[in-house]
Amino acid sequence: MDLLEELRPRAFAIAYRMLGTVSEAEDVVQEALLRVHQNSADLDNPRAFITTVTTRLAINALQSARARRETYVGDWLPEPVFTGDDPLAVAETRDAVSLALLTALETLTPEQRAALLLHDVFDYDYPAIAAVLDVSAANARQLTSRARRLVSGEHRFAASTASHTELVERFLEAATSGDLSGLERMLADDVLMRGDGGGKVPALGRTVVGRARVAKTLINGTRAFLSMPGLRWRALEVNGAPGAAYLDGAGKLIAVLALEVVDGVVVSVDSVANPDKLGHLGEVGDVHELLHQAHPERT
């Protein structure tokens, strides 16, 4: 395999976890691979080089992205990726890449985020992290420790081992049928529900917290969603976790749903409907047109 193609999956795995967006991650990967090509004759360890360059480029990109995300309309969620079919994608992106975890990582500084991911996901020791970040080993340990405390107890660095399809089918069937008690039994007491429409399409205005409120919001939202003509859902793996794609009658993507499951119950429900965050997954449908068809009297 060509060296650049061999290194590309690792570079993307790092960049996507650092940035939470596919397009920005791909830009970082392209620049990192260009630097590998330019320095290939002098590289003793290309894998270490691509990790260092990708991480540093991602830190710079993340610092710029933070300003844009501060003015984002509604909750900002990472761009979803499908991880169920491609063995390479599973190997490089399935673990430690849930939307819930990536959202939690947004609370960290770029350096904390890099240190935590390098240590807990990519098995770098503190001296190696120090070399990547150009800090002391003691500082690398401190960055990692503080980052872990900030996200501890809420998210895991491992994909759920539950049957994704079966879980999602039970979950969405309960929401579709209006089975409030059945849906509540699947939710944690402090479950979170977030929606990202980016101001482009209808979505939750703010995070919903708690079993009863989330269950009612899910039932009402699912009923409204499925009232659009031809809309259907398909269970699949989203960011290494149970999820679903909502599709219109032509098979175009409308939204992506991701569930985080811990100890058999759903602890977070994330829905990404911003069309700008779905284009990398396939052709995107027109929600506004579907809403007009479903409720012409309102438009």
C-alpha atoms as a PDB file:
ATOM      1  CA  MET A   1       0.000   0.000   0.000  1.00  0.00           C
ATOM      2  CA  ASP A   2       1.206   3.519  -0.795  1.00  0.00           C
ATOM      3  CA  LEU A   3       2.606   5.238   2.315  1.00  0.00           C
ATOM      4  CA  LEU A   4       0.173   8.155   2.160  1.00  0.00           C
ATOM      5  CA  GLU A   5      -2.854   5.866   1.845  1.00  0.00           C
ATOM      6  CA  GLU A   6      -1.523   3.760   4.701  1.00  0.00           C
ATOM      7  CA  LEU A   7      -1.274   6.823   6.948  1.00  0.00           C
ATOM      8  CA  ARG A   8      -4.545   8.468   5.882  1.00  0.00           C
ATOM      9  CA  PRO A   9      -6.904   6.485   8.208  1.00  0.00           C
ATOM     10  CA  ARG A  10      -4.821   7.267  11.280  1.00  0.00           C
ATOM     11  CA  ALA A  11      -4.599  10.946  10.358  1.00  0.00           C
ATOM     12  CA  PHE A  12      -8.370  11.117   9.891  1.00  0.00           C
ATOM     13  CA  ALA A  13      -9.005   9.261  13.157  1.00  0.00           C
ATOM     14  CA  ILE A  14      -6.996  11.889  15.031  1.00  0.00           C
ATOM     15  CA  ALA A  15      -8.287  14.924  13.142  1.00  0.00           C
ATOM     16  CA  TYR A  16     -11.954  13.940  13.344  1.00  0.00           C
ATOM     17  CA  ARG A  17     -11.782  13.279  17.079  1.00  0.00           C
ATOM     18  CA  MET A  18     -10.020  16.588  17.590  1.00  0.00           C
ATOM     19  CA  LEU A  19     -12.364  18.676  15.434  1.00  0.00           C
ATOM     20  CA  GLY A  20     -15.697  16.850  15.375  1.00  0.00           C
ATOM     21  CA  THR A  21     -16.302  17.756  11.736  1.00  0.00           C
ATOM     22  CA  VAL A  22     -15.548  15.711   8.655  1.00  0.00           C
ATOM     23  CA  SER A  23     -14.779  18.583   6.291  1.00  0.00           C
ATOM     24  CA  GLU A  24     -12.322  20.299   8.665  1.00  0.00           C
ATOM     25  CA  ALA A  25     -10.722  16.954   9.507  1.00  0.00           C
ATOM     26  CA  GLU A  26     -10.212  16.170   5.825  1.00  0.00           C
ATOM     27  CA  ASP A  27      -8.545  19.558   5.300  1.00  0.00           C
ATOM     28  CA  VAL A  28      -6.144  18.794   8.149  1.00  0.00           C
ATOM     29  CA  VAL A  29      -5.459  15.319   6.774  1.00  0.00           C
ATOM     30  CA  GLN A  30      -4.633  16.658   3.326  1.00  0.00           C
ATOM     31  CA  GLU A  31      -2.159  19.161   4.767  1.00  0.00           C
ATOM     32  CA  ALA A  32      -0.602  16.508   7.029  1.00  0.00           C
ATOM     33  CA  LEU A  33      -0.162  14.078   4.134  1.00  0.00           C
ATOM     34  CA  LEU A  34       1.382  16.826   2.023  1.00  0.00           C
ATOM     35  CA  ARG A  35       3.990  17.354   4.740  1.00  0.00           C
ATOM     36  CA  VAL A  36       4.684  13.615   4.851  1.00  0.00           C
ATOM     37  CA  HIS A  37       5.249  13.652   1.100  1.00  0.00           C
ATOM     38  CA  GLN A  38       7.547  16.666   1.346  1.00  0.00           C
ATOM     39  CA  ASN A  39       9.635  15.054   4.099  1.00  0.00           C
ATOM     40  CA  SER A  40       9.360  11.379   3.138  1.00  0.00           C
ATOM     41  CA  ALA A  41      13.072  10.956   2.392  1.00  0.00           C
ATOM     42  CA  ASP A  42      14.011  11.982   5.925  1.00  0.00           C
ATOM     43  CA  LEU A  43      11.322  10.160   7.916  1.00  0.00           C
ATOM     44  CA  ASP A  44      12.442   7.306  10.165  1.00  0.00           C
ATOM     45  CA  ASN A  45       8.963   6.857  11.663  1.00  0.00           C
ATOM     46  CA  PRO A  46       6.189   8.109   9.341  1.00  0.00           C
ATOM     47  CA  ARG A  47       3.456   6.953  11.747  1.00  0.00           C
ATOM     48  CA  ALA A  48       4.848   9.078  14.578  1.00  0.00           C
ATOM     49  CA  PHE A  49       5.342  11.990  12.197  1.00  0.00           C
ATOM     50  CA  ILE A  50       1.744  11.905  10.911  1.00  0.00           C
ATOM     51  CA  THR A  51       0.431  11.787  14.483  1.00  0.00           C
ATOM     52  CA  THR A  52       2.470  14.822  15.510  1.00  0.00           C
ATOM     53  CA  VAL A  53       1.688  16.889  12.428  1.00  0.00           C
ATOM     54  CA  THR A  54      -2.016  16.011  12.403  1.00  0.00           C
ATOM     55  CA  THR A  55      -2.400  16.806  16.097  1.00  0.00           C
ATOM     56  CA  ARG A  56      -0.668  20.166  15.813  1.00  0.00           C
ATOM     57  CA  LEU A  57      -2.640  21.152  12.720  1.00  0.00           C
ATOM     58  CA  ALA A  58      -5.864  20.083  14.415  1.00  0.00           C
ATOM     59  CA  ILE A  59      -5.059  22.186  17.504  1.00  0.00           C
ATOM     60  CA  ASN A  60      -4.636  25.233  15.275  1.00  0.00           C
ATOM     61  CA  ALA A  61      -7.836  24.470  13.370  1.00  0.00           C
ATOM     62  CA  LEU A  62      -9.782  23.905  16.581  1.00  0.00           C
ATOM     63  CA  GLN A  63      -8.702  27.251  17.981  1.00  0.00           C
ATOM     64  CA  SER A  64     -10.148  28.933  14.882  1.00  0.00           C
ATOM     65  CA  ALA A  65     -13.299  26.809  14.933  1.00  0.00           C
ATOM     66  CA  ARG A  66     -14.115  27.734  18.542  1.00  0.00           C
ATOM     67  CA  ALA A  67     -14.929  31.326  17.577  1.00  0.00           C
ATOM     68  CA  ARG A  68     -17.360  30.157  14.877  1.00  0.00           C
ATOM     69  CA  ARG A  69     -19.065  27.698  17.202  1.00  0.00           C
ATOM     70  CA  GLU A  70     -19.699  30.401  19.808  1.00  0.00           C
ATOM     71  CA  THR A  71     -22.156  32.094  17.421  1.00  0.00           C
ATOM     72  CA  TYR A  72     -23.796  28.838  16.274  1.00  0.00           C
ATOM     73  CA  VAL A  73     -27.612  28.751  16.386  1.00  0.00           C
ATOM     74  CA  GLY A  74     -28.781  26.212  19.006  1.00  0.00           C
ATOM     75  CA  ASP A  75     -26.755  23.250  20.266  1.00  0.00           C
ATOM     76  CA  TRP A  76     -23.594  22.490  18.288  1.00  0.00           C
ATOM     77  CA  LEU A  77     -23.106  18.757  17.707  1.00  0.00           C
ATOM     78  CA  PRO A  78     -20.303  16.984  15.837  1.00  0.00           C
ATOM     79  CA  GLU A  79     -20.861  15.791  12.294  1.00  0.00           C
ATOM     80  CA  PRO A  80     -21.953  12.138  12.401  1.00  0.00           C
ATOM     81  CA  VAL A  81     -20.206   9.298  10.600  1.00  0.00           C
ATOM     82  CA  PHE A  82     -21.534   5.837   9.795  1.00  0.00           C
ATOM     83  CA  THR A  83     -19.215   3.151  11.192  1.00  0.00           C
ATOM     84  CA  GLY A  84     -21.034  -0.134  10.698  1.00  0.00           C
ATOM     85  CA  ASP A  85     -20.035  -1.383   7.247  1.00  0.00           C
ATOM     86  CA  ASP A  86     -16.467  -0.406   6.386  1.00  0.00           C
ATOM     87  CA  PRO A  87     -13.937  -2.538   8.348  1.00  0.00           C
ATOM     88  CA  LEU A  88     -11.304   0.169   7.960  1.00  0.00           C
ATOM     89  CA  ALA A  89     -13.663   2.827   9.307  1.00  0.00           C
ATOM     90  CA  VAL A  90     -14.551   0.580  12.218  1.00  0.00           C
ATOM     91  CA  ALA A  91     -10.904   0.006  13.060  1.00  0.00           C
ATOM     92  CA  GLU A  92      -9.963   3.671  12.914  1.00  0.00           C
ATOM     93  CA  THR A  93     -13.085   5.513  14.092  1.00  0.00           C
ATOM     94  CA  ARG A  94     -15.488   3.194  15.879  1.00  0.00           C
ATOM     95  CA  ASP A  95     -14.107   3.270  19.407  1.00  0.00           C
ATOM     96  CA  ALA A  96     -14.095   6.490  21.438  1.00  0.00           C
ATOM     97  CA  VAL A  97     -15.947   8.472  18.815  1.00  0.00           C
ATOM     98  CA  SER A  98     -19.546   8.732  20.035  1.00  0.00           C
ATOM     99  CA  LEU A  99     -21.298  12.030  19.422  1.00  0.00           C
ATOM    100  CA  ALA A 100     -21.835  12.359  23.163  1.00  0.00           C
ATOM    101  CA  LEU A 101     -18.134  11.975  23.892  1.00  0.00           C
ATOM    102  CA  LEU A 102     -17.063  14.346  21.116  1.00  0.00           C
ATOM    103  CA  THR A 103     -19.540  16.892  22.443  1.00  0.00           C
ATOM    104  CA  ALA A 104     -18.107  16.528  25.945  1.00  0.00           C
ATOM    105  CA  LEU A 105     -14.605  17.054  24.573  1.00  0.00           C
ATOM    106  CA  GLU A 106     -15.732  20.488  23.367  1.00  0.00           C
ATOM    107  CA  THR A 107     -15.423  21.651  26.995  1.00  0.00           C
ATOM    108  CA  LEU A 108     -11.654  21.072  26.923  1.00  0.00           C
ATOM    109  CA  THR A 109      -8.902  23.299  25.599  1.00  0.00           C
ATOM    110  CA  PRO A 110      -7.369  22.067  22.328  1.00  0.00           C
ATOM    111  CA  GLU A 111      -4.235  20.960  24.198  1.00  0.00           C
ATOM    112  CA  GLN A 112      -6.241  19.080  26.850  1.00  0.00           C
ATOM    113  CA  ARG A 113      -8.292  17.413  24.165  1.00  0.00           C
ATOM    114  CA  ALA A 114      -5.174  16.324  22.286  1.00  0.00           C
ATOM    115  CA  ALA A 115      -3.458  15.011  25.413  1.00  0.00           C
ATOM    116  CA  LEU A 116      -6.497  13.004  26.504  1.00  0.00           C
ATOM    117  CA  LEU A 117      -7.078  11.470  23.080  1.00  0.00           C
ATOM    118  CA  LEU A 118      -3.422  10.625  22.537  1.00  0.00           C
ATOM    119  CA  HIS A 119      -3.168   8.953  25.946  1.00  0.00           C
ATOM    120  CA  ASP A 120      -6.534   7.225  26.346  1.00  0.00           C
ATOM    121  CA  VAL A 121      -7.318   6.380  22.716  1.00  0.00           C
ATOM    122  CA  PHE A 122      -3.972   6.085  20.935  1.00  0.00           C
ATOM    123  CA  ASP A 123      -1.970   4.701  23.890  1.00  0.00           C
ATOM    124  CA  TYR A 124       0.730   7.375  23.888  1.00  0.00           C
ATOM    125  CA  ASP A 125       2.751   7.659  27.079  1.00  0.00           C
ATOM    126  CA  TYR A 126       3.438  11.048  28.638  1.00  0.00           C
ATOM    127  CA  PRO A 127       6.918  11.567  27.117  1.00  0.00           C
ATOM    128  CA  ALA A 128       5.473  10.832  23.665  1.00  0.00           C
ATOM    129  CA  ILE A 129       2.562  13.229  24.264  1.00  0.00           C
ATOM    130  CA  ALA A 130       5.055  15.829  25.451  1.00  0.00           C
ATOM    131  CA  ALA A 131       6.977  15.497  22.186  1.00  0.00           C
ATOM    132  CA  VAL A 132       3.818  15.925  20.108  1.00  0.00           C
ATOM    133  CA  LEU A 133       2.605  18.971  22.062  1.00  0.00           C
ATOM    134  CA  ASP A 134       6.068  20.414  22.647  1.00  0.00           C
ATOM    135  CA  VAL A 135       5.643  20.516  26.432  1.00  0.00           C
ATOM    136  CA  SER A 136       7.312  18.739  29.356  1.00  0.00           C
ATOM    137  CA  ALA A 137       6.289  15.219  30.330  1.00  0.00           C
ATOM    138  CA  ALA A 138       4.958  16.604  33.629  1.00  0.00           C
ATOM    139  CA  ASN A 139       2.829  19.106  31.748  1.00  0.00           C
ATOM    140  CA  ALA A 140       1.541  16.366  29.449  1.00  0.00           C
ATOM    141  CA  ARG A 141       0.486  14.342  32.491  1.00  0.00           C
ATOM    142  CA  GLN A 142      -1.212  17.380  34.004  1.00  0.00           C
ATOM    143  CA  LEU A 143      -3.101  18.170  30.778  1.00  0.00           C
ATOM    144  CA  THR A 144      -4.318  14.583  30.512  1.00  0.00           C
ATOM    145  CA  SER A 145      -5.318  14.335  34.164  1.00  0.00           C
ATOM    146  CA  ARG A 146      -7.282  17.590  34.144  1.00  0.00           C
ATOM    147  CA  ALA A 147      -9.018  16.680  30.885  1.00  0.00           C
ATOM    148  CA  ARG A 148     -10.033  13.301  32.274  1.00  0.00           C
ATOM    149  CA  ARG A 149     -11.496  14.908  35.402  1.00  0.00           C
ATOM    150  CA  LEU A 150     -13.556  17.298  33.314  1.00  0.00           C
ATOM    151  CA  VAL A 151     -15.212  14.503  31.322  1.00  0.00           C
ATOM    152  CA  SER A 152     -15.015  11.673  33.858  1.00  0.00           C
ATOM    153  CA  GLY A 153     -18.045   9.646  34.832  1.00  0.00           C
ATOM    154  CA  GLU A 154     -20.165  10.736  31.888  1.00  0.00           C
ATOM    155  CA  HIS A 155     -18.712   9.062  28.812  1.00  0.00           C
ATOM    156  CA  ARG A 156     -16.768   5.953  27.898  1.00  0.00           C
ATOM    157  CA  PHE A 157     -13.979   5.419  25.413  1.00  0.00           C
ATOM    158  CA  ALA A 158     -15.604   2.273  24.019  1.00  0.00           C
ATOM    159  CA  ALA A 159     -18.477   1.465  21.733  1.00  0.00           C
ATOM    160  CA  SER A 160     -21.542  -0.255  23.084  1.00  0.00           C
ATOM    161  CA  THR A 161     -21.554  -4.031  22.670  1.00  0.00           C
ATOM    162  CA  ALA A 162     -25.347  -4.223  22.605  1.00  0.00           C
ATOM    163  CA  SER A 163     -27.198  -5.290  19.481  1.00  0.00           C
ATOM    164  CA  HIS A 164     -27.452  -1.915  17.792  1.00  0.00           C
ATOM    165  CA  THR A 165     -30.230  -2.766  15.360  1.00  0.00           C
ATOM    166  CA  GLU A 166     -32.430  -4.449  17.977  1.00  0.00           C
ATOM    167  CA  LEU A 167     -31.980  -1.618  20.461  1.00  0.00           C
ATOM    168  CA  VAL A 168     -32.742   1.132  17.953  1.00  0.00           C
ATOM    169  CA  GLU A 169     -35.778  -0.724  16.657  1.00  0.00           C
ATOM    170  CA  ARG A 170     -37.236  -1.058  20.160  1.00  0.00           C
ATOM    171  CA  PHE A 171     -36.395   2.557  20.923  1.00  0.00           C
ATOM    172  CA  LEU A 172     -37.937   4.046  17.780  1.00  0.00           C
ATOM    173  CA  GLU A 173     -40.936   1.727  17.803  1.00  0.00           C
ATOM    174  CA  ALA A 174     -41.750   2.937  21.326  1.00  0.00           C
ATOM    175  CA  ALA A 175     -41.358   6.561  20.219  1.00  0.00           C
ATOM    176  CA  THR A 176     -43.397   6.023  17.042  1.00  0.00           C
ATOM    177  CA  SER A 177     -46.251   4.194  18.789  1.00  0.00           C
ATOM    178  CA  GLY A 178     -46.396   6.677  21.656  1.00  0.00           C
ATOM    179  CA  ASP A 179     -45.449   4.039  24.240  1.00  0.00           C
ATOM    180  CA  LEU A 180     -44.418   6.496  26.948  1.00  0.00           C
ATOM    181  CA  SER A 181     -43.815   3.954  29.710  1.00  0.00           C
ATOM    182  CA  GLY A 182     -41.912   1.629  27.390  1.00  0.00           C
ATOM    183  CA  LEU A 183     -39.702   4.482  26.224  1.00  0.00           C
ATOM    184  CA  GLU A 184     -39.065   5.691  29.766  1.00  0.00           C
ATOM    185  CA  ARG A 185     -37.846   2.228  30.765  1.00  0.00           C
ATOM    186  CA  MET A 186     -35.083   2.542  28.167  1.00  0.00           C
ATOM    187  CA  LEU A 187     -33.882   5.945  29.419  1.00  0.00           C
ATOM    188  CA  ALA A 188     -31.544   6.859  32.273  1.00  0.00           C
ATOM    189  CA  ASP A 189     -32.898   9.169  34.984  1.00  0.00           C
ATOM    190  CA  ASP A 190     -30.643  12.022  33.839  1.00  0.00           C
ATOM    191  CA  VAL A 191     -30.760  11.315  30.095  1.00  0.00           C
ATOM    192  CA  LEU A 192     -29.871  14.224  27.796  1.00  0.00           C
ATOM    193  CA  MET A 193     -31.460  15.000  24.447  1.00  0.00           C
ATOM    194  CA  ARG A 194     -29.856  17.450  22.028  1.00  0.00           C
ATOM    195  CA  GLY A 195     -30.762  18.545  18.521  1.00  0.00           C
ATOM    196  CA  ASP A 196     -28.645  20.352  15.942  1.00  0.00           C
ATOM    197  CA  GLY A 197     -30.458  22.140  13.130  1.00  0.00           C
ATOM    198  CA  GLY A 198     -27.926  24.952  12.882  1.00  0.00           C
ATOM    199  CA  GLY A 199     -30.736  27.428  12.274  1.00  0.00           C
ATOM    200  CA  LYS A 200     -31.272  25.790   8.871  1.00  0.00           C
ATOM    201  CA  VAL A 201     -34.071  23.359   9.780  1.00  0.00           C
ATOM    202  CA  PRO A 202     -36.398  22.921  12.794  1.00  0.00           C
ATOM    203  CA  ALA A 203     -34.653  21.400  15.828  1.00  0.00           C
ATOM    204  CA  LEU A 204     -34.670  21.522  19.616  1.00  0.00           C
ATOM    205  CA  GLY A 205     -34.022  25.011  20.899  1.00  0.00           C
ATOM    206  CA  ARG A 206     -32.053  23.756  23.889  1.00  0.00           C
ATOM    207  CA  THR A 207     -30.963  20.545  25.592  1.00  0.00           C
ATOM    208  CA  VAL A 208     -33.743  18.532  27.247  1.00  0.00           C
ATOM    209  CA  VAL A 209     -32.835  16.757  30.493  1.00  0.00           C
ATOM    210  CA  GLY A 210     -34.573  13.991  32.422  1.00  0.00           C
ATOM    211  CA  ARG A 211     -36.404  10.754  31.622  1.00  0.00           C
ATOM    212  CA  ALA A 212     -39.985  12.066  31.562  1.00  0.00           C
ATOM    213  CA  ARG A 213     -39.221  15.211  29.578  1.00  0.00           C
ATOM    214  CA  VAL A 214     -37.030  13.409  27.053  1.00  0.00           C
ATOM    215  CA  ALA A 215     -39.578  10.623  26.532  1.00  0.00           C
ATOM    216  CA  LYS A 216     -42.386  13.121  25.846  1.00  0.00           C
ATOM    217  CA  THR A 217     -40.168  15.198  23.569  1.00  0.00           C
ATOM    218  CA  LEU A 218     -39.141  12.095  21.632  1.00  0.00           C
ATOM    219  CA  ILE A 219     -42.711  10.939  21.120  1.00  0.00           C
ATOM    220  CA  ASN A 220     -43.910  14.374  20.003  1.00  0.00           C
ATOM    221  CA  GLY A 221     -40.890  14.921  17.790  1.00  0.00           C
ATOM    222  CA  THR A 222     -41.089  11.479  16.186  1.00  0.00           C
ATOM    223  CA  ARG A 223     -44.787  11.923  15.479  1.00  0.00           C
ATOM    224  CA  ALA A 224     -44.139  15.289  13.818  1.00  0.00           C
ATOM    225  CA  PHE A 225     -41.156  13.954  11.892  1.00  0.00           C
ATOM    226  CA  LEU A 226     -42.954  10.925  10.523  1.00  0.00           C
ATOM    227  CA  SER A 227     -45.931  13.038   9.473  1.00  0.00           C
ATOM    228  CA  MET A 228     -43.796  14.233   6.558  1.00  0.00           C
ATOM    229  CA  PRO A 229     -44.696  12.234   3.419  1.00  0.00           C
ATOM    230  CA  GLY A 230     -42.575   9.185   2.668  1.00  0.00           C
ATOM    231  CA  LEU A 231     -40.318   9.636   5.669  1.00  0.00           C
ATOM    232  CA  ARG A 232     -38.855   6.455   7.153  1.00  0.00           C
ATOM    233  CA  TRP A 233     -35.961   5.472   9.372  1.00  0.00           C
ATOM    234  CA  ARG A 234     -33.242   2.858   9.009  1.00  0.00           C
ATOM    235  CA  ALA A 235     -31.260   1.512  11.946  1.00  0.00           C
ATOM    236  CA  LEU A 236     -27.489   1.673  11.546  1.00  0.00           C
ATOM    237  CA  GLU A 237     -24.340   2.320  13.526  1.00  0.00           C
ATOM    238  CA  VAL A 238     -23.554   6.002  14.067  1.00  0.00           C
ATOM    239  CA  ASN A 239     -20.162   6.915  15.507  1.00  0.00           C
ATOM    240  CA  GLY A 240     -19.704   3.417  16.880  1.00  0.00           C
ATOM    241  CA  ALA A 241     -23.040   3.442  18.706  1.00  0.00           C
ATOM    242  CA  PRO A 242     -26.700   2.575  18.042  1.00  0.00           C
ATOM    243  CA  GLY A 243     -28.304   5.023  15.670  1.00  0.00           C
ATOM    244  CA  ALA A 244     -30.587   5.620  12.736  1.00  0.00           C
ATOM    245  CA  ALA A 245     -30.854   7.592   9.531  1.00  0.00           C
ATOM    246  CA  TYR A 246     -34.115   9.336   8.658  1.00  0.00           C
ATOM    247  CA  LEU A 247     -34.742   9.229   4.911  1.00  0.00           C
ATOM    248  CA  ASP A 248     -37.335  10.808   2.635  1.00  0.00           C
ATOM    249  CA  GLY A 249     -39.283   8.935  -0.022  1.00  0.00           C
ATOM    250  CA  ALA A 250     -36.416   9.242  -2.503  1.00  0.00           C
ATOM    251  CA  GLY A 251     -33.900   7.864  -0.019  1.00  0.00           C
ATOM    252  CA  LYS A 252     -32.335  11.267   0.664  1.00  0.00           C
ATOM    253  CA  LEU A 253     -30.995  11.898   4.138  1.00  0.00           C
ATOM    254  CA  ILE A 254     -33.042  14.132   6.446  1.00  0.00           C
ATOM    255  CA  ALA A 255     -31.452  13.587   9.865  1.00  0.00           C
ATOM    256  CA  VAL A 256     -29.195  11.260  11.823  1.00  0.00           C
ATOM    257  CA  LEU A 257     -29.993   9.988  15.313  1.00  0.00           C
ATOM    258  CA  ALA A 258     -27.327   8.661  17.706  1.00  0.00           C
ATOM    259  CA  LEU A 259     -27.836   7.006  21.086  1.00  0.00           C
ATOM    260  CA  GLU A 260     -25.279   6.575  23.831  1.00  0.00           C
ATOM    261  CA  VAL A 261     -25.958   3.468  25.892  1.00  0.00           C
ATOM    262  CA  VAL A 262     -24.368   2.774  29.282  1.00  0.00           C
ATOM    263  CA  ASP A 263     -25.267  -0.260  31.410  1.00  0.00           C
ATOM    264  CA  GLY A 264     -28.231  -1.087  29.202  1.00  0.00           C
ATOM    265  CA  VAL A 265     -29.967   2.301  29.283  1.00  0.00           C
ATOM    266  CA  VAL A 266     -29.837   5.297  26.963  1.00  0.00           C
ATOM    267  CA  VAL A 267     -27.946   8.191  28.576  1.00  0.00           C
ATOM    268  CA  SER A 268     -28.011  10.596  25.639  1.00  0.00           C
ATOM    269  CA  VAL A 269     -29.985  11.114  22.450  1.00  0.00           C
ATOM    270  CA  ASP A 270     -28.405  13.294  19.756  1.00  0.00           C
ATOM    271  CA  SER A 271     -30.100  14.318  16.523  1.00  0.00           C
ATOM    272  CA  VAL A 272     -28.231  16.083  13.721  1.00  0.00           C
ATOM    273  CA  ALA A 273     -30.468  17.618  11.045  1.00  0.00           C
ATOM    274  CA  ASN A 274     -28.367  20.567   9.882  1.00  0.00           C
ATOM    275  CA  PRO A 275     -28.015  19.775   6.158  1.00  0.00           C
ATOM    276  CA  ASP A 276     -24.514  21.256   6.146  1.00  0.00           C
ATOM    277  CA  LYS A 277     -23.436  18.444   8.485  1.00  0.00           C
ATOM    278  CA  LEU A 278     -24.963  15.597   6.477  1.00  0.00           C
ATOM    279  CA  GLY A 279     -23.696  16.096   2.933  1.00  0.00           C
ATOM    280  CA  HIS A 280     -20.642  13.877   3.420  1.00  0.00           C
ATOM    281  CA  LEU A 281     -23.001  10.947   4.103  1.00  0.00           C
ATOM    282  CA  GLY A 282     -24.995  11.173   0.881  1.00  0.00           C
ATOM    283  CA  GLU A 283     -27.628  13.256  -0.870  1.00  0.00           C
ATOM    284  CA  VAL A 284     -29.599  15.423   1.557  1.00  0.00           C
ATOM    285  CA  GLY A 285     -33.353  15.957   1.330  1.00  0.00           C
ATOM    286  CA  ASP A 286     -35.313  19.206   1.640  1.00  0.00           C
ATOM    287  CA  VAL A 287     -37.001  19.338   5.051  1.00  0.00           C
ATOM    288  CA  HIS A 288     -38.837  22.558   4.267  1.00  0.00           C
ATOM    289  CA  GLU A 289     -40.419  21.050   1.159  1.00  0.00           C
ATOM    290  CA  LEU A 290     -41.497  17.983   3.125  1.00  0.00           C
ATOM    291  CA  LEU A 291     -43.032  20.178   5.815  1.00  0.00           C
ATOM    292  CA  HIS A 292     -44.903  22.132   3.153  1.00  0.00           C
ATOM    293  CA  GLN A 293     -46.276  18.897   1.710  1.00  0.00           C
ATOM    294  CA  ALA A 294     -47.323  17.680   5.152  1.00  0.00           C
ATOM    295  CA  HIS A 295     -48.822  20.976   6.313  1.00  0.00           C
ATOM    296  CA  PRO A 296     -49.590  23.210   3.302  1.00  0.00           C
ATOM    297  CA  GLU A 297     -51.915  25.320   5.423  1.00  0.00           C
ATOM    298  CA  ARG A 298     -48.968  26.514   7.541  1.00  0.00           C
ATOM    299  CA  THR A 299     -46.864  27.761   4.633  1.00  0.00           C
END
